[in-house]
Amino acid sequence: MSPTRAAARRTREEVDATLQTAKLNAAELLPTAHCLRFGPGASGAAAGDFCLLELEPALCQQLEAGQSLVIRGDKDEQAVLCSRDKTYDLKIADTSNMLLFIPGCKTPEQLRKEESQCSIVHTEIFGFSNNYWELRRCRPKLKKLKKLLMANTYEGPDSEKEDDLSRSKYTTKDLLDQIQASEEEIMAQLQVLNACEIGGYWRILEFDYEMKLLNHITQLVDSESWSFNKVPLNICLQELGPLEPEEMIEHCLKCYGKEYIEEGEVYFELNTDKICRAIAQMLLQNAVKFNLAEFQEVWQQSVPEGMVTSLDQLKGLALVDRHSRPEIIFLLKVDDLPEGNQERFNSLFSLREKWTEEDIAPYIQDLCGERQTTGALLTKYSRSSVQNGVKVYNSRRPIS
């Protein structure tokens, strides 16, 4: 350091004089004083040259443990930050106080642990900022995931589409690059979508092909007189292997059943609700509206013998109109609705002016954040009233 700069350093006497002028009692302060000056790099720096990110303790621990945080988003998307299992919105928070970057600066807690005499620490400021990034936990933005995969569904190994190399396919890395969600959230949603990896690419089965696989399995269960709770994997693969690829048969069993092992053999317990729901979707997708009584009769006749249908199995998939005569039911899938809160409520209230909580809850449940209820969402985005003794909800704003 040059003599001129060294001479500019404050002495202990100057620090004590400053304290006296400020009417501060030195005995009430820590003995160490930091004297700050802008370093050569900071003197030419501008606000915005550096970015600060405020992290909750759990994220700090993940970084210290060697894990990564990733910022995701295309140019037309609001950026999000993702950990291994959570997604956060990135928001700029302005501050009236200038935030200084001081390498090696010790905090009061660190200084208290040191039994130091009255001392002066001359510290150079490396940079500064007038704002920082703060994180707010948000729902993962997963609608794009289904949109990408539905553009090229899997119709079976013999489909002509499989020879078309121009069709888009996505690996796990591709999805991590394009979907604004953490890896765990993306993998969980792939399970919800009944997606599977085929040749290293994630694919959603064409619904008709998925139902074809399911029909093979339920017919085999019926012909062998097996219990739905104990479907043997090996025999399924042996019997159905000549009809469809074994990995597709096993995938279908995993989609509609729960795997378990008994005496060294792999079995599946088929899920009645999932199978009845899939068959209902098959019936409803070919009709704009369906007479409710007729639908319930056809539906019960269409499911495997021994399974019992219930409208509770259709929450978030189909909506019943009790006010029409006769009563009707029609397909309304929650994953076809907008992802944003206000857009979702606008869509629902444009479809139906007034909703009971029982009817609307399945269509807003996925909007709930941590420790948030559907009741809280309804309070924020709708008005309630009582109609014929029943509490109903309508939009807070006019719907065009």
Protein backbone atom coordinates (compact mmCIF):
# COMPACT_ATOMS: atom_id res chain seq x y z
CA MET A 1 0.00 0.00 0.00
CA SER A 2 1.31 3.48 -0.84
CA PRO A 3 2.39 5.92 1.97
CA THR A 4 -0.45 8.26 0.98
CA ARG A 5 -3.06 5.55 1.46
CA ALA A 6 -1.45 4.35 4.68
CA ALA A 7 -1.51 7.91 6.04
CA ALA A 8 -5.23 8.11 5.29
CA ARG A 9 -5.98 5.31 7.72
CA ARG A 10 -7.81 6.26 10.89
CA THR A 11 -6.14 5.94 14.26
CA ARG A 12 -7.72 4.74 17.49
CA GLU A 13 -7.72 8.30 18.79
CA GLU A 14 -9.67 9.47 15.73
CA VAL A 15 -12.21 6.69 16.19
CA ASP A 16 -12.67 7.59 19.88
CA ALA A 17 -13.08 11.23 18.96
CA THR A 18 -15.78 10.32 16.44
CA LEU A 19 -17.60 8.29 19.10
CA GLN A 20 -17.44 11.25 21.46
CA THR A 21 -18.84 13.58 18.82
CA ALA A 22 -21.67 11.10 18.21
CA LYS A 23 -22.24 10.95 21.98
CA LEU A 24 -21.72 7.17 22.06
CA ASN A 25 -20.26 5.44 25.09
CA ALA A 26 -17.31 3.31 23.97
CA ALA A 27 -17.80 1.03 26.97
CA GLU A 28 -21.16 -0.09 25.56
CA LEU A 29 -19.62 -1.08 22.24
CA LEU A 30 -17.39 -3.92 21.13
CA PRO A 31 -13.69 -2.99 21.34
CA THR A 32 -13.02 -3.66 17.65
CA ALA A 33 -13.86 -0.93 15.14
CA HIS A 34 -14.16 -1.47 11.38
CA CYS A 35 -12.88 1.38 9.23
CA LEU A 36 -14.31 1.00 5.74
CA ARG A 37 -13.04 2.36 2.45
CA PHE A 38 -13.95 1.62 -1.15
CA GLY A 39 -11.33 -0.56 -2.81
CA PRO A 40 -9.99 0.14 -6.30
CA GLY A 41 -12.47 -2.29 -7.88
CA ALA A 42 -15.50 -0.91 -6.05
CA SER A 43 -14.74 2.72 -6.83
CA GLY A 44 -15.60 2.16 -10.49
CA ALA A 45 -18.43 -0.29 -9.89
CA ALA A 46 -22.06 0.53 -10.53
CA ALA A 47 -25.22 -0.61 -8.80
CA GLY A 48 -26.26 -3.83 -10.53
CA ASP A 49 -22.74 -5.12 -11.07
CA PHE A 50 -23.37 -7.51 -8.20
CA CYS A 51 -26.43 -9.53 -7.20
CA LEU A 52 -27.40 -10.66 -3.72
CA LEU A 53 -29.68 -13.64 -3.11
CA GLU A 54 -31.46 -14.09 0.22
CA LEU A 55 -31.76 -17.77 1.16
CA GLU A 56 -33.63 -19.56 3.89
CA PRO A 57 -31.43 -21.66 6.22
CA ALA A 58 -32.42 -24.97 4.59
CA LEU A 59 -31.24 -23.76 1.16
CA CYS A 60 -27.99 -22.45 2.62
CA GLN A 61 -27.34 -25.86 4.14
CA GLN A 62 -27.98 -27.53 0.77
CA LEU A 63 -25.46 -25.25 -0.94
CA GLU A 64 -22.90 -25.80 1.80
CA ALA A 65 -23.41 -29.55 1.36
CA GLY A 66 -22.44 -29.26 -2.31
CA GLN A 67 -25.94 -29.30 -3.85
CA SER A 68 -26.96 -26.88 -6.62
CA LEU A 69 -29.66 -24.29 -7.10
CA VAL A 70 -30.84 -23.80 -10.68
CA ILE A 71 -32.59 -20.83 -12.30
CA ARG A 72 -35.08 -22.02 -14.93
CA GLY A 73 -37.23 -20.27 -17.49
CA ASP A 74 -37.40 -19.36 -21.19
CA LYS A 75 -37.06 -15.76 -22.35
CA ASP A 76 -40.84 -15.26 -22.23
CA GLU A 77 -41.24 -16.78 -18.76
CA GLN A 78 -40.82 -15.36 -15.26
CA ALA A 79 -37.64 -16.94 -13.89
CA VAL A 80 -37.88 -19.38 -10.99
CA LEU A 81 -35.17 -20.88 -8.79
CA CYS A 82 -35.26 -24.62 -8.14
CA SER A 83 -33.64 -26.73 -5.47
CA ARG A 84 -33.65 -30.52 -5.63
CA ASP A 85 -37.26 -30.69 -4.43
CA LYS A 86 -38.81 -27.18 -4.35
CA THR A 87 -39.57 -24.25 -6.67
CA TYR A 88 -39.31 -20.56 -5.78
CA ASP A 89 -40.36 -17.35 -7.47
CA LEU A 90 -37.52 -14.82 -7.81
CA LYS A 91 -38.50 -11.28 -6.78
CA ILE A 92 -36.32 -8.16 -6.62
CA ALA A 93 -36.55 -6.42 -3.24
CA ASP A 94 -35.29 -2.81 -3.15
CA THR A 95 -33.71 -1.41 -0.01
CA SER A 96 -33.11 2.21 1.03
CA ASN A 97 -29.82 1.17 2.66
CA MET A 98 -26.81 0.47 0.48
CA LEU A 99 -25.65 -3.12 0.89
CA LEU A 100 -21.87 -3.44 0.99
CA PHE A 101 -19.76 -6.48 0.05
CA ILE A 102 -16.85 -6.74 2.49
CA PRO A 103 -14.67 -9.88 2.16
CA GLY A 104 -13.49 -11.23 5.51
CA CYS A 105 -15.68 -8.89 7.55
CA LYS A 106 -16.45 -10.34 10.97
CA THR A 107 -19.92 -10.16 12.47
CA PRO A 108 -20.53 -8.93 16.05
CA GLU A 109 -21.17 -12.55 17.07
CA GLN A 110 -17.74 -13.58 15.76
CA LEU A 111 -16.03 -10.64 17.45
CA ARG A 112 -17.61 -11.44 20.81
CA LYS A 113 -15.96 -14.85 20.70
CA GLU A 114 -12.54 -13.23 20.30
CA GLU A 115 -10.96 -11.72 23.38
CA SER A 116 -9.45 -8.79 21.52
CA GLN A 117 -8.19 -5.47 22.89
CA CYS A 118 -9.26 -2.18 21.45
CA SER A 119 -8.29 -2.50 17.81
CA ILE A 120 -8.89 -1.00 14.42
CA VAL A 121 -9.66 -3.23 11.42
CA HIS A 122 -9.12 -1.51 8.08
CA THR A 123 -11.42 -3.09 5.54
CA GLU A 124 -11.91 -2.45 1.83
CA ILE A 125 -15.37 -2.53 0.24
CA PHE A 126 -15.42 -4.89 -2.73
CA GLY A 127 -18.80 -3.85 -4.16
CA PHE A 128 -22.30 -2.66 -3.34
CA SER A 129 -25.97 -3.13 -4.28
CA ASN A 130 -29.24 -1.29 -3.70
CA ASN A 131 -31.43 -4.41 -3.96
CA TYR A 132 -31.40 -8.17 -3.56
CA TRP A 133 -33.27 -11.20 -4.85
CA GLU A 134 -35.70 -12.77 -2.42
CA LEU A 135 -37.32 -16.18 -2.84
CA ARG A 136 -40.96 -17.04 -2.36
CA ARG A 137 -42.07 -20.66 -2.43
CA CYS A 138 -44.40 -21.26 -5.37
CA ARG A 139 -46.19 -24.09 -7.10
CA PRO A 140 -44.15 -25.80 -9.81
CA LYS A 141 -45.22 -24.78 -13.31
CA LEU A 142 -46.01 -28.23 -14.69
CA LYS A 143 -48.69 -27.64 -17.32
CA LYS A 144 -45.99 -27.25 -19.97
CA LEU A 145 -44.76 -30.77 -19.13
CA LYS A 146 -48.01 -32.39 -20.25
CA LYS A 147 -48.21 -30.10 -23.29
CA LEU A 148 -44.77 -31.19 -24.49
CA LEU A 149 -45.41 -34.90 -23.98
CA MET A 150 -48.94 -34.87 -25.43
CA ALA A 151 -47.56 -33.51 -28.72
CA ASN A 152 -46.13 -36.97 -29.42
CA THR A 153 -48.01 -39.66 -27.51
CA TYR A 154 -47.02 -43.33 -27.72
CA GLU A 155 -49.49 -45.48 -29.65
CA GLY A 156 -47.55 -48.74 -29.48
CA PRO A 157 -44.46 -50.21 -31.16
CA ASP A 158 -46.23 -50.75 -34.49
CA SER A 159 -47.44 -47.16 -34.87
CA GLU A 160 -46.19 -45.33 -37.97
CA LYS A 161 -45.48 -42.32 -35.73
CA GLU A 162 -42.49 -44.14 -34.23
CA ASP A 163 -40.72 -44.01 -37.60
CA ASP A 164 -41.19 -40.23 -37.89
CA LEU A 165 -37.90 -38.75 -36.64
CA SER A 166 -39.23 -35.18 -36.89
CA ARG A 167 -41.49 -35.69 -33.86
CA SER A 168 -40.16 -34.24 -30.62
CA LYS A 169 -39.04 -36.52 -27.81
CA TYR A 170 -37.68 -35.52 -24.41
CA THR A 171 -35.09 -37.02 -22.10
CA THR A 172 -34.96 -36.23 -18.39
CA LYS A 173 -32.28 -33.61 -19.12
CA ASP A 174 -34.48 -32.01 -21.80
CA LEU A 175 -37.37 -31.71 -19.34
CA LEU A 176 -35.14 -30.25 -16.63
CA ASP A 177 -34.00 -27.61 -19.14
CA GLN A 178 -37.54 -26.64 -20.17
CA ILE A 179 -39.86 -27.17 -17.20
CA GLN A 180 -39.97 -24.62 -14.36
CA ALA A 181 -39.96 -27.08 -11.49
CA SER A 182 -37.51 -29.01 -9.33
CA GLU A 183 -36.34 -32.44 -10.40
CA GLU A 184 -38.37 -34.20 -7.70
CA GLU A 185 -41.52 -32.26 -8.67
CA ILE A 186 -41.04 -33.11 -12.35
CA MET A 187 -40.51 -36.82 -11.62
CA ALA A 188 -43.59 -36.87 -9.36
CA GLN A 189 -45.70 -35.25 -12.10
CA LEU A 190 -44.46 -37.77 -14.66
CA GLN A 191 -45.92 -40.45 -12.40
CA VAL A 192 -49.22 -38.56 -12.16
CA LEU A 193 -49.31 -38.39 -15.97
CA ASN A 194 -48.62 -42.16 -16.18
CA ALA A 195 -45.58 -41.34 -18.33
CA CYS A 196 -42.89 -43.93 -18.96
CA GLU A 197 -39.38 -43.99 -20.38
CA ILE A 198 -39.19 -45.66 -23.79
CA GLY A 199 -35.76 -45.78 -25.40
CA GLY A 200 -34.48 -43.09 -23.03
CA TYR A 201 -37.34 -40.67 -23.79
CA TRP A 202 -40.34 -39.81 -21.62
CA ARG A 203 -43.66 -40.63 -23.32
CA ILE A 204 -47.33 -40.48 -22.41
CA LEU A 205 -49.36 -43.38 -23.75
CA GLU A 206 -52.14 -42.50 -26.17
CA PHE A 207 -55.30 -42.96 -24.09
CA ASP A 208 -56.84 -45.51 -26.47
CA TYR A 209 -53.63 -47.56 -26.35
CA GLU A 210 -53.52 -47.34 -22.55
CA MET A 211 -57.13 -48.57 -22.39
CA LYS A 212 -56.25 -51.42 -24.78
CA LEU A 213 -53.50 -52.55 -22.38
CA LEU A 214 -55.82 -52.23 -19.38
CA ASN A 215 -58.52 -54.24 -21.16
CA HIS A 216 -56.02 -57.06 -21.85
CA ILE A 217 -55.16 -57.18 -18.14
CA THR A 218 -58.74 -57.08 -16.80
CA GLN A 219 -59.85 -59.75 -19.29
CA LEU A 220 -56.98 -61.99 -18.17
CA VAL A 221 -57.90 -61.42 -14.51
CA ASP A 222 -61.48 -62.42 -15.32
CA SER A 223 -60.53 -65.52 -17.37
CA GLU A 224 -58.13 -66.75 -14.67
CA SER A 225 -60.61 -65.90 -11.86
CA TRP A 226 -57.90 -63.97 -10.01
CA SER A 227 -58.62 -61.59 -7.19
CA PHE A 228 -58.08 -57.94 -8.09
CA ASN A 229 -55.88 -57.80 -5.00
CA LYS A 230 -53.48 -60.48 -6.24
CA VAL A 231 -52.51 -60.27 -9.91
CA PRO A 232 -49.24 -62.14 -10.62
CA LEU A 233 -46.78 -60.20 -12.77
CA ASN A 234 -44.94 -63.15 -14.32
CA ILE A 235 -48.08 -64.90 -15.56
CA CYS A 236 -49.40 -61.60 -16.96
CA LEU A 237 -46.19 -61.15 -18.93
CA GLN A 238 -46.24 -64.74 -20.18
CA GLU A 239 -49.88 -64.59 -21.28
CA LEU A 240 -49.96 -61.06 -22.69
CA GLY A 241 -46.37 -60.83 -23.98
CA PRO A 242 -47.34 -62.13 -27.45
CA LEU A 243 -49.93 -59.32 -27.71
CA GLU A 244 -48.01 -56.31 -26.40
CA PRO A 245 -44.46 -55.48 -25.23
CA GLU A 246 -43.84 -56.81 -21.72
CA GLU A 247 -42.59 -53.43 -20.50
CA MET A 248 -45.93 -51.87 -21.54
CA ILE A 249 -47.91 -54.54 -19.69
CA GLU A 250 -45.83 -53.96 -16.56
CA HIS A 251 -46.16 -50.18 -16.92
CA CYS A 252 -49.95 -50.47 -17.13
CA LEU A 253 -50.00 -52.63 -14.00
CA LYS A 254 -47.95 -49.98 -12.18
CA CYS A 255 -50.33 -47.24 -13.35
CA TYR A 256 -53.45 -49.03 -12.15
CA GLY A 257 -52.13 -51.10 -9.27
CA LYS A 258 -49.78 -51.30 -6.32
CA GLU A 259 -46.81 -53.64 -6.53
CA TYR A 260 -45.92 -56.00 -3.67
CA ILE A 261 -43.88 -59.17 -3.16
CA GLU A 262 -45.17 -62.35 -1.56
CA GLU A 263 -43.06 -65.50 -1.20
CA GLY A 264 -40.58 -64.13 -3.73
CA GLU A 265 -43.21 -63.48 -6.39
CA VAL A 266 -44.27 -60.03 -7.64
CA TYR A 267 -48.01 -59.26 -7.47
CA PHE A 268 -50.17 -56.22 -8.13
CA GLU A 269 -53.21 -55.04 -6.19
CA LEU A 270 -55.40 -53.34 -8.79
CA ASN A 271 -56.94 -50.00 -7.81
CA THR A 272 -60.71 -50.10 -8.36
CA ASP A 273 -61.11 -46.31 -8.28
CA LYS A 274 -58.41 -45.73 -10.92
CA ILE A 275 -59.82 -48.37 -13.27
CA CYS A 276 -63.42 -47.14 -12.91
CA ARG A 277 -62.23 -43.55 -13.46
CA ALA A 278 -60.36 -44.49 -16.66
CA ILE A 279 -63.37 -46.33 -18.08
CA ALA A 280 -65.59 -43.33 -17.26
CA GLN A 281 -63.20 -41.07 -19.16
CA MET A 282 -63.33 -43.42 -22.13
CA LEU A 283 -67.16 -43.22 -22.15
CA LEU A 284 -67.36 -39.46 -21.61
CA GLN A 285 -64.71 -38.32 -24.09
CA ASN A 286 -66.89 -39.32 -27.01
CA ALA A 287 -69.97 -37.38 -25.85
CA VAL A 288 -70.41 -33.63 -25.26
CA LYS A 289 -73.00 -34.32 -22.56
CA PHE A 290 -74.36 -37.56 -21.18
CA ASN A 291 -77.69 -38.25 -19.46
CA LEU A 292 -76.50 -38.93 -15.89
CA ALA A 293 -78.79 -41.90 -15.20
CA GLU A 294 -77.93 -43.54 -18.52
CA PHE A 295 -74.23 -42.89 -18.01
CA GLN A 296 -74.21 -44.47 -14.55
CA GLU A 297 -75.93 -47.57 -15.93
CA VAL A 298 -73.55 -47.93 -18.92
CA TRP A 299 -70.54 -47.17 -16.72
CA GLN A 300 -71.37 -49.89 -14.20
CA GLN A 301 -71.89 -52.38 -17.03
CA SER A 302 -68.52 -51.42 -18.58
CA VAL A 303 -66.26 -51.95 -15.56
CA PRO A 304 -64.88 -55.39 -14.67
CA GLU A 305 -67.29 -57.62 -12.76
CA GLY A 306 -66.89 -57.11 -9.04
CA MET A 307 -65.96 -53.43 -9.25
CA VAL A 308 -68.46 -50.81 -8.07
CA THR A 309 -68.67 -47.36 -9.64
CA SER A 310 -69.24 -44.13 -7.70
CA LEU A 311 -69.40 -40.49 -8.76
CA ASP A 312 -66.78 -39.76 -6.08
CA GLN A 313 -64.30 -41.52 -8.39
CA LEU A 314 -64.75 -38.75 -10.97
CA LYS A 315 -63.67 -35.72 -8.91
CA GLY A 316 -61.59 -33.40 -11.09
CA LEU A 317 -62.52 -35.41 -14.21
CA ALA A 318 -66.25 -34.88 -14.80
CA LEU A 319 -68.93 -32.46 -13.64
CA VAL A 320 -72.57 -33.20 -12.91
CA ASP A 321 -75.27 -30.62 -13.68
CA ARG A 322 -78.06 -31.25 -11.17
CA HIS A 323 -80.14 -28.30 -12.40
CA SER A 324 -80.72 -29.57 -15.93
CA ARG A 325 -83.61 -31.88 -16.71
CA PRO A 326 -82.70 -34.64 -17.08
CA GLU A 327 -79.51 -34.36 -15.02
CA ILE A 328 -76.38 -34.54 -17.16
CA ILE A 329 -72.68 -35.27 -16.76
CA PHE A 330 -69.81 -34.09 -18.96
CA LEU A 331 -66.02 -34.31 -19.09
CA LEU A 332 -64.17 -31.48 -17.31
CA LYS A 333 -60.56 -32.36 -16.53
CA VAL A 334 -58.73 -30.26 -13.96
CA ASP A 335 -55.46 -30.55 -15.87
CA ASP A 336 -57.07 -28.87 -18.90
CA LEU A 337 -57.79 -25.70 -16.87
CA PRO A 338 -55.45 -22.64 -16.64
CA GLU A 339 -52.53 -22.85 -14.22
CA GLY A 340 -52.83 -19.35 -12.69
CA ASN A 341 -55.21 -18.74 -9.78
CA GLN A 342 -57.25 -15.88 -11.25
CA GLU A 343 -57.31 -17.46 -14.71
CA ARG A 344 -58.54 -20.75 -13.19
CA PHE A 345 -61.41 -19.06 -11.33
CA ASN A 346 -62.32 -17.00 -14.42
CA SER A 347 -62.52 -20.19 -16.47
CA LEU A 348 -64.66 -21.98 -13.89
CA PHE A 349 -67.06 -19.06 -13.39
CA SER A 350 -67.45 -18.61 -17.15
CA LEU A 351 -68.49 -22.25 -17.30
CA ARG A 352 -70.91 -22.05 -14.38
CA GLU A 353 -72.04 -18.88 -12.61
CA LYS A 354 -72.49 -20.39 -9.14
CA TRP A 355 -70.71 -23.34 -7.57
CA THR A 356 -71.10 -25.30 -4.37
CA GLU A 357 -67.87 -25.92 -2.49
CA GLU A 358 -68.27 -29.67 -3.08
CA ASP A 359 -68.35 -29.16 -6.86
CA ILE A 360 -65.57 -26.58 -7.18
CA ALA A 361 -63.09 -27.98 -4.63
CA PRO A 362 -61.64 -30.71 -6.93
CA TYR A 363 -60.92 -28.03 -9.55
CA ILE A 364 -58.97 -25.69 -7.24
CA GLN A 365 -57.33 -28.14 -4.81
CA ASP A 366 -54.09 -28.16 -6.80
CA LEU A 367 -53.86 -24.34 -6.49
CA CYS A 368 -53.44 -24.53 -2.72
CA GLY A 369 -50.01 -23.57 -1.46
CA GLU A 370 -48.40 -24.76 1.75
CA ARG A 371 -50.85 -24.61 4.66
CA GLN A 372 -53.53 -23.13 2.36
CA THR A 373 -57.06 -24.48 2.05
CA THR A 374 -59.65 -24.38 -0.71
CA GLY A 375 -61.76 -22.28 1.66
CA ALA A 376 -59.05 -19.60 1.76
CA LEU A 377 -58.89 -19.55 -2.05
CA LEU A 378 -62.66 -19.22 -2.32
CA THR A 379 -62.62 -16.32 0.15
CA LYS A 380 -60.02 -14.50 -1.96
CA TYR A 381 -61.36 -15.14 -5.45
CA SER A 382 -65.14 -15.45 -5.00
CA ARG A 383 -68.20 -14.19 -3.15
CA SER A 384 -70.49 -16.48 -1.19
CA SER A 385 -74.25 -16.44 -0.86
CA VAL A 386 -77.00 -18.82 0.18
CA GLN A 387 -79.31 -20.20 -2.49
CA ASN A 388 -82.19 -22.47 -1.47
CA GLY A 389 -80.43 -23.14 1.82
CA VAL A 390 -77.17 -24.10 0.12
CA LYS A 391 -73.98 -21.99 0.25
CA VAL A 392 -72.75 -21.16 -3.24
CA TYR A 393 -69.86 -19.15 -4.68
CA ASN A 394 -69.73 -16.77 -7.63
CA SER A 395 -67.07 -14.51 -9.15
CA ARG A 396 -65.91 -11.33 -7.44
CA ARG A 397 -65.52 -9.64 -10.83
CA PRO A 398 -67.62 -9.57 -14.02
CA ILE A 399 -66.85 -12.47 -16.37
CA SER A 400 -66.84 -11.53 -20.04
